[in-house]
Structure formats: C-alpha cells, structure tokens
Amino acid sequence: MIDFNNKGFFKLKQDTDYAEKVSDLLLDDEQVVDSYKTMRDGVVFTNKRIIAVNVQGITGSKKDFTSLPYKNIVAYSIETSGTFDLDSELEIYFSALGKVKFEFSGQSSMLEISKIISSYLL
C-alpha cells in the first residue's frame, strides 16, 4: 500500500492517458472522471472510487493498486488554486484508514471531484 503520510509523494499533474493503467480494474458501470500522475505513480478518479497506483522497482513492471471507495469517506476538504499559487489540495478522511492527502500542480478538476465525493456523502 502507498505511504500516504509521505507528503512529497503526491505532486500530481493532470494526465488523461494515465487512466489506461487501471482500465483492467474498472467495473462495467465504472467511468473515469480524471487522472493524474507524478513521474511514475498516479491517481485515477472514477465515479465510484479513487485508485492510487504506486509503480515499484527499477523497471516499473511491479505496481501496487490501492482502491479507495468513496463510500468509506467520512469527510473531505479541497483547496483550489489561486492567482499566484497554482497548486490545489484534496484531503480525504476515510473510516478505519485516516487522512489521505493529494497535492496537485497545475490544472485539476477539484470541483468535479468534489461533487462526486459529495454525492456519496450527502
């Protein structure tokens, strides 16, 4: 599983092609909302869950997929980008897991992701 306490791990940039890495894991009625990546690792937001991908080893052939279902979220917080600070953040509190924090650089779909999470919480 990914070490979510490591703050330097996720500095994600939007990359729609990254969703291909999790295509085999998706359910029949599951759709990708957006995807982001770092150098090798990434996160894919679907209409049902968040899938975090941790690419391991020198060759990158070994991957760890962590599925974080929206139904287990108890609270969340978003910080959108501003004029001079282009980074945004998403903090999610999962029952039994604790806080997971994602940091985004550049363009992100924070409001769309927020609406999806809210639809499961409210």
N, C-alpha and C. Protein backbone atom coordinates (compact mmCIF):
# COMPACT_ATOMS: atom_id res chain seq x y z
N MET A 1 0.83 -1.17 0.00
CA MET A 1 0.00 0.00 0.00
C MET A 1 0.88 1.24 0.00
N ILE A 2 0.38 2.29 -0.57
CA ILE A 2 1.11 3.55 -0.65
C ILE A 2 1.22 4.19 0.72
N ASP A 3 2.35 4.79 1.01
CA ASP A 3 2.56 5.53 2.24
C ASP A 3 1.96 6.92 2.07
N PHE A 4 0.72 7.13 2.52
CA PHE A 4 0.05 8.40 2.33
C PHE A 4 0.57 9.48 3.26
N ASN A 5 1.37 9.11 4.25
CA ASN A 5 1.93 10.10 5.16
C ASN A 5 3.12 10.82 4.57
N ASN A 6 3.69 10.28 3.51
CA ASN A 6 4.84 10.88 2.85
C ASN A 6 4.36 12.06 2.01
N LYS A 7 4.55 13.28 2.51
CA LYS A 7 4.00 14.46 1.83
C LYS A 7 4.60 14.69 0.45
N GLY A 8 5.82 14.28 0.23
CA GLY A 8 6.47 14.51 -1.05
C GLY A 8 6.03 13.53 -2.13
N PHE A 9 5.23 12.55 -1.77
CA PHE A 9 4.88 11.50 -2.72
C PHE A 9 3.98 12.00 -3.84
N PHE A 10 2.90 12.69 -3.47
CA PHE A 10 1.93 13.12 -4.47
C PHE A 10 2.06 14.60 -4.79
N LYS A 11 2.60 14.93 -5.94
CA LYS A 11 2.53 16.26 -6.53
C LYS A 11 2.07 15.99 -7.94
N LEU A 12 0.79 15.89 -8.11
CA LEU A 12 0.17 15.32 -9.30
C LEU A 12 -0.12 16.35 -10.37
N LYS A 13 0.08 15.95 -11.61
CA LYS A 13 -0.28 16.76 -12.77
C LYS A 13 -1.31 16.00 -13.58
N GLN A 14 -2.26 16.73 -14.15
CA GLN A 14 -3.31 16.09 -14.93
C GLN A 14 -2.70 15.36 -16.13
N ASP A 15 -3.16 14.12 -16.34
CA ASP A 15 -2.69 13.29 -17.44
C ASP A 15 -3.79 12.29 -17.78
N THR A 16 -4.57 12.60 -18.78
CA THR A 16 -5.72 11.74 -19.12
C THR A 16 -5.30 10.35 -19.60
N ASP A 17 -4.10 10.21 -20.12
CA ASP A 17 -3.63 8.91 -20.59
C ASP A 17 -3.32 7.94 -19.46
N TYR A 18 -3.09 8.47 -18.25
CA TYR A 18 -2.72 7.61 -17.12
C TYR A 18 -3.85 6.64 -16.75
N ALA A 19 -5.08 6.97 -17.09
CA ALA A 19 -6.22 6.11 -16.76
C ALA A 19 -6.10 4.72 -17.40
N GLU A 20 -5.35 4.60 -18.47
CA GLU A 20 -5.16 3.31 -19.13
C GLU A 20 -4.53 2.28 -18.20
N LYS A 21 -3.73 2.74 -17.24
CA LYS A 21 -3.04 1.82 -16.33
C LYS A 21 -4.01 1.05 -15.44
N VAL A 22 -5.22 1.59 -15.24
CA VAL A 22 -6.18 0.92 -14.35
C VAL A 22 -7.39 0.39 -15.11
N SER A 23 -7.39 0.44 -16.42
CA SER A 23 -8.56 0.06 -17.21
C SER A 23 -9.02 -1.38 -16.91
N ASP A 24 -8.10 -2.29 -16.65
CA ASP A 24 -8.48 -3.67 -16.36
C ASP A 24 -9.14 -3.83 -15.00
N LEU A 25 -8.98 -2.85 -14.11
CA LEU A 25 -9.57 -2.93 -12.77
C LEU A 25 -10.98 -2.36 -12.69
N LEU A 26 -11.40 -1.64 -13.71
CA LEU A 26 -12.68 -0.94 -13.66
C LEU A 26 -13.86 -1.90 -13.81
N LEU A 27 -14.93 -1.59 -13.10
CA LEU A 27 -16.17 -2.35 -13.22
C LEU A 27 -16.88 -1.97 -14.51
N ASP A 28 -17.87 -2.75 -14.90
CA ASP A 28 -18.58 -2.49 -16.16
C ASP A 28 -19.24 -1.11 -16.18
N ASP A 29 -19.81 -0.69 -15.04
CA ASP A 29 -20.51 0.59 -14.99
C ASP A 29 -19.64 1.71 -14.39
N GLU A 30 -18.35 1.48 -14.28
CA GLU A 30 -17.43 2.47 -13.70
C GLU A 30 -16.79 3.30 -14.81
N GLN A 31 -16.76 4.61 -14.59
CA GLN A 31 -16.21 5.53 -15.59
C GLN A 31 -15.13 6.40 -14.96
N VAL A 32 -14.09 6.67 -15.72
CA VAL A 32 -13.00 7.54 -15.26
C VAL A 32 -13.47 8.98 -15.33
N VAL A 33 -13.25 9.72 -14.23
CA VAL A 33 -13.58 11.13 -14.18
C VAL A 33 -12.35 11.96 -14.57
N ASP A 34 -11.20 11.61 -13.99
CA ASP A 34 -9.96 12.32 -14.29
C ASP A 34 -8.79 11.48 -13.81
N SER A 35 -7.61 11.74 -14.33
CA SER A 35 -6.42 11.02 -13.89
C SER A 35 -5.23 11.96 -13.83
N TYR A 36 -4.33 11.65 -12.91
CA TYR A 36 -3.17 12.49 -12.61
C TYR A 36 -1.96 11.59 -12.41
N LYS A 37 -0.77 12.15 -12.64
CA LYS A 37 0.44 11.36 -12.43
C LYS A 37 1.58 12.22 -11.92
N THR A 38 2.53 11.53 -11.29
CA THR A 38 3.82 12.12 -10.95
C THR A 38 4.78 11.57 -11.99
N MET A 39 6.03 11.41 -11.65
CA MET A 39 6.98 10.83 -12.61
C MET A 39 6.54 9.43 -13.05
N ARG A 40 6.18 8.56 -12.09
CA ARG A 40 5.78 7.19 -12.41
C ARG A 40 4.45 6.82 -11.78
N ASP A 41 4.20 7.33 -10.60
CA ASP A 41 2.99 6.98 -9.85
C ASP A 41 1.82 7.86 -10.31
N GLY A 42 0.63 7.49 -9.89
CA GLY A 42 -0.52 8.29 -10.28
C GLY A 42 -1.77 7.96 -9.51
N VAL A 43 -2.83 8.73 -9.81
CA VAL A 43 -4.12 8.58 -9.18
C VAL A 43 -5.19 8.72 -10.25
N VAL A 44 -6.17 7.82 -10.20
CA VAL A 44 -7.28 7.86 -11.14
C VAL A 44 -8.57 7.99 -10.32
N PHE A 45 -9.36 9.02 -10.64
CA PHE A 45 -10.64 9.22 -10.00
C PHE A 45 -11.72 8.68 -10.92
N THR A 46 -12.55 7.78 -10.40
CA THR A 46 -13.67 7.24 -11.17
C THR A 46 -14.97 7.74 -10.52
N ASN A 47 -16.08 7.31 -11.05
CA ASN A 47 -17.36 7.70 -10.46
C ASN A 47 -17.69 6.86 -9.22
N LYS A 48 -16.82 5.90 -8.84
CA LYS A 48 -17.07 5.04 -7.69
C LYS A 48 -15.95 5.05 -6.64
N ARG A 49 -14.73 5.37 -7.06
CA ARG A 49 -13.59 5.26 -6.14
C ARG A 49 -12.39 6.03 -6.67
N ILE A 50 -11.35 6.05 -5.82
CA ILE A 50 -10.05 6.59 -6.19
C ILE A 50 -9.10 5.40 -6.27
N ILE A 51 -8.33 5.32 -7.34
CA ILE A 51 -7.36 4.25 -7.49
C ILE A 51 -5.98 4.90 -7.52
N ALA A 52 -5.17 4.60 -6.50
CA ALA A 52 -3.81 5.12 -6.43
C ALA A 52 -2.87 4.04 -6.95
N VAL A 53 -1.95 4.44 -7.84
CA VAL A 53 -1.02 3.49 -8.46
C VAL A 53 0.40 3.84 -8.00
N ASN A 54 1.05 2.86 -7.39
CA ASN A 54 2.43 3.02 -6.93
C ASN A 54 3.30 2.10 -7.79
N VAL A 55 4.08 2.70 -8.68
CA VAL A 55 4.96 1.92 -9.55
C VAL A 55 6.23 1.63 -8.77
N GLN A 56 6.62 0.35 -8.72
CA GLN A 56 7.74 -0.08 -7.89
C GLN A 56 8.87 -0.66 -8.73
N GLY A 57 10.06 -0.66 -8.15
CA GLY A 57 11.22 -1.27 -8.78
C GLY A 57 11.86 -0.41 -9.85
N ILE A 58 13.00 -0.85 -10.31
CA ILE A 58 13.78 -0.10 -11.30
C ILE A 58 13.09 -0.11 -12.65
N THR A 59 12.55 -1.25 -13.04
CA THR A 59 11.93 -1.35 -14.36
C THR A 59 10.49 -0.83 -14.38
N GLY A 60 9.86 -0.74 -13.22
CA GLY A 60 8.49 -0.26 -13.15
C GLY A 60 7.45 -1.30 -13.54
N SER A 61 7.87 -2.55 -13.65
CA SER A 61 6.91 -3.58 -14.06
C SER A 61 6.02 -4.03 -12.89
N LYS A 62 6.46 -3.78 -11.66
CA LYS A 62 5.67 -4.13 -10.48
C LYS A 62 4.88 -2.89 -10.05
N LYS A 63 3.56 -3.08 -9.85
CA LYS A 63 2.70 -1.97 -9.49
C LYS A 63 1.81 -2.36 -8.32
N ASP A 64 1.57 -1.40 -7.43
CA ASP A 64 0.64 -1.57 -6.33
C ASP A 64 -0.56 -0.69 -6.61
N PHE A 65 -1.77 -1.28 -6.62
CA PHE A 65 -3.00 -0.54 -6.85
C PHE A 65 -3.78 -0.47 -5.54
N THR A 66 -4.07 0.72 -5.08
CA THR A 66 -4.85 0.90 -3.86
C THR A 66 -6.20 1.48 -4.24
N SER A 67 -7.27 0.78 -3.90
CA SER A 67 -8.63 1.21 -4.20
C SER A 67 -9.23 1.88 -2.97
N LEU A 68 -9.65 3.11 -3.13
CA LEU A 68 -10.23 3.89 -2.04
C LEU A 68 -11.68 4.24 -2.40
N PRO A 69 -12.65 3.43 -1.96
CA PRO A 69 -14.04 3.67 -2.33
C PRO A 69 -14.60 4.94 -1.68
N TYR A 70 -15.37 5.69 -2.45
CA TYR A 70 -15.99 6.91 -1.92
C TYR A 70 -16.93 6.61 -0.76
N LYS A 71 -17.53 5.41 -0.73
CA LYS A 71 -18.50 5.09 0.32
C LYS A 71 -17.86 5.04 1.71
N ASN A 72 -16.52 4.95 1.79
CA ASN A 72 -15.83 4.91 3.07
C ASN A 72 -15.33 6.28 3.53
N ILE A 73 -15.66 7.33 2.79
CA ILE A 73 -15.23 8.68 3.15
C ILE A 73 -16.18 9.24 4.20
N VAL A 74 -15.60 9.82 5.26
CA VAL A 74 -16.42 10.44 6.30
C VAL A 74 -16.37 11.96 6.22
N ALA A 75 -15.31 12.53 5.63
CA ALA A 75 -15.20 13.97 5.45
C ALA A 75 -14.10 14.25 4.43
N TYR A 76 -14.15 15.44 3.83
CA TYR A 76 -13.08 15.82 2.89
C TYR A 76 -12.97 17.34 2.84
N SER A 77 -11.83 17.78 2.32
CA SER A 77 -11.56 19.20 2.20
C SER A 77 -10.82 19.43 0.89
N ILE A 78 -11.21 20.48 0.15
CA ILE A 78 -10.47 20.84 -1.06
C ILE A 78 -9.94 22.26 -0.91
N GLU A 79 -8.79 22.47 -1.48
CA GLU A 79 -8.20 23.81 -1.58
C GLU A 79 -7.90 24.04 -3.05
N THR A 80 -8.61 24.98 -3.65
CA THR A 80 -8.43 25.24 -5.07
C THR A 80 -7.22 26.14 -5.30
N SER A 81 -6.75 26.18 -6.53
CA SER A 81 -5.61 27.03 -6.87
C SER A 81 -6.04 28.49 -6.92
N GLY A 82 -5.07 29.38 -6.78
CA GLY A 82 -5.34 30.80 -6.82
C GLY A 82 -4.57 31.47 -7.94
N THR A 83 -4.47 32.79 -7.86
CA THR A 83 -3.80 33.57 -8.90
C THR A 83 -2.31 33.28 -8.93
N PHE A 84 -1.69 33.30 -7.76
CA PHE A 84 -0.23 33.11 -7.69
C PHE A 84 0.16 31.72 -7.23
N ASP A 85 -0.71 31.08 -6.47
CA ASP A 85 -0.47 29.72 -6.01
C ASP A 85 -1.29 28.79 -6.89
N LEU A 86 -0.63 28.11 -7.83
CA LEU A 86 -1.33 27.28 -8.80
C LEU A 86 -1.60 25.86 -8.30
N ASP A 87 -1.14 25.55 -7.10
CA ASP A 87 -1.34 24.22 -6.55
C ASP A 87 -2.70 24.13 -5.86
N SER A 88 -3.27 22.93 -5.84
CA SER A 88 -4.50 22.67 -5.12
C SER A 88 -4.32 21.39 -4.32
N GLU A 89 -5.17 21.20 -3.31
CA GLU A 89 -5.04 20.05 -2.43
C GLU A 89 -6.40 19.41 -2.19
N LEU A 90 -6.36 18.12 -1.96
CA LEU A 90 -7.55 17.36 -1.59
C LEU A 90 -7.18 16.51 -0.39
N GLU A 91 -7.88 16.72 0.73
CA GLU A 91 -7.70 15.91 1.92
C GLU A 91 -8.97 15.12 2.14
N ILE A 92 -8.81 13.81 2.27
CA ILE A 92 -9.96 12.93 2.45
C ILE A 92 -9.75 12.11 3.72
N TYR A 93 -10.81 12.01 4.51
CA TYR A 93 -10.76 11.24 5.75
C TYR A 93 -11.61 9.98 5.56
N PHE A 94 -10.93 8.83 5.59
CA PHE A 94 -11.58 7.54 5.40
C PHE A 94 -11.79 6.86 6.75
N SER A 95 -12.92 6.21 6.92
CA SER A 95 -13.14 5.43 8.13
C SER A 95 -12.13 4.29 8.15
N ALA A 96 -11.52 4.06 9.28
CA ALA A 96 -10.55 2.99 9.52
C ALA A 96 -9.18 3.21 8.87
N LEU A 97 -9.06 4.14 7.94
CA LEU A 97 -7.77 4.39 7.28
C LEU A 97 -7.15 5.69 7.74
N GLY A 98 -7.95 6.69 7.97
CA GLY A 98 -7.45 8.00 8.36
C GLY A 98 -7.39 8.96 7.19
N LYS A 99 -6.50 9.94 7.29
CA LYS A 99 -6.42 11.00 6.30
C LYS A 99 -5.53 10.62 5.13
N VAL A 100 -6.00 10.94 3.93
CA VAL A 100 -5.23 10.77 2.71
C VAL A 100 -5.17 12.14 2.05
N LYS A 101 -3.98 12.58 1.69
CA LYS A 101 -3.81 13.91 1.12
C LYS A 101 -3.18 13.81 -0.27
N PHE A 102 -3.80 14.51 -1.22
CA PHE A 102 -3.27 14.58 -2.57
C PHE A 102 -2.97 16.04 -2.89
N GLU A 103 -1.78 16.28 -3.44
CA GLU A 103 -1.39 17.63 -3.85
C GLU A 103 -1.30 17.66 -5.36
N PHE A 104 -1.94 18.67 -5.95
CA PHE A 104 -2.00 18.80 -7.40
C PHE A 104 -1.28 20.06 -7.84
N SER A 105 -0.58 19.98 -8.95
CA SER A 105 0.02 21.17 -9.53
C SER A 105 -0.63 21.41 -10.88
N GLY A 106 -0.87 22.66 -11.20
CA GLY A 106 -1.49 22.98 -12.48
C GLY A 106 -2.98 22.74 -12.46
N GLN A 107 -3.54 22.50 -13.63
CA GLN A 107 -4.98 22.34 -13.81
C GLN A 107 -5.47 21.06 -13.16
N SER A 108 -6.61 21.14 -12.47
CA SER A 108 -7.23 19.96 -11.89
C SER A 108 -8.74 20.14 -11.86
N SER A 109 -9.45 19.05 -11.73
CA SER A 109 -10.92 19.06 -11.71
C SER A 109 -11.43 18.96 -10.28
N MET A 110 -10.92 19.81 -9.39
CA MET A 110 -11.28 19.74 -7.98
C MET A 110 -12.78 19.87 -7.76
N LEU A 111 -13.44 20.77 -8.47
CA LEU A 111 -14.88 20.96 -8.25
C LEU A 111 -15.68 19.75 -8.72
N GLU A 112 -15.31 19.15 -9.83
CA GLU A 112 -16.00 17.95 -10.31
C GLU A 112 -15.77 16.79 -9.35
N ILE A 113 -14.55 16.62 -8.89
CA ILE A 113 -14.24 15.55 -7.94
C ILE A 113 -14.99 15.78 -6.63
N SER A 114 -15.07 17.04 -6.21
CA SER A 114 -15.82 17.38 -5.00
C SER A 114 -17.29 17.02 -5.13
N LYS A 115 -17.89 17.26 -6.27
CA LYS A 115 -19.29 16.92 -6.49
C LYS A 115 -19.52 15.41 -6.42
N ILE A 116 -18.60 14.64 -6.97
CA ILE A 116 -18.73 13.18 -6.91
C ILE A 116 -18.64 12.68 -5.48
N ILE A 117 -17.66 13.18 -4.74
CA ILE A 117 -17.50 12.77 -3.34
C ILE A 117 -18.75 13.16 -2.56
N SER A 118 -19.23 14.37 -2.77
CA SER A 118 -20.42 14.84 -2.06
C SER A 118 -21.64 13.98 -2.37
N SER A 119 -21.76 13.51 -3.58
CA SER A 119 -22.91 12.69 -3.94
C SER A 119 -22.93 11.38 -3.16
N TYR A 120 -21.77 10.91 -2.71
CA TYR A 120 -21.71 9.70 -1.91
C TYR A 120 -21.89 9.99 -0.42
N LEU A 121 -21.54 11.21 0.00
CA LEU A 121 -21.61 11.55 1.42
C LEU A 121 -22.97 12.10 1.84
N LEU A 122 -23.62 12.80 0.94
CA LEU A 122 -24.85 13.51 1.33
C LEU A 122 -26.11 12.76 0.93
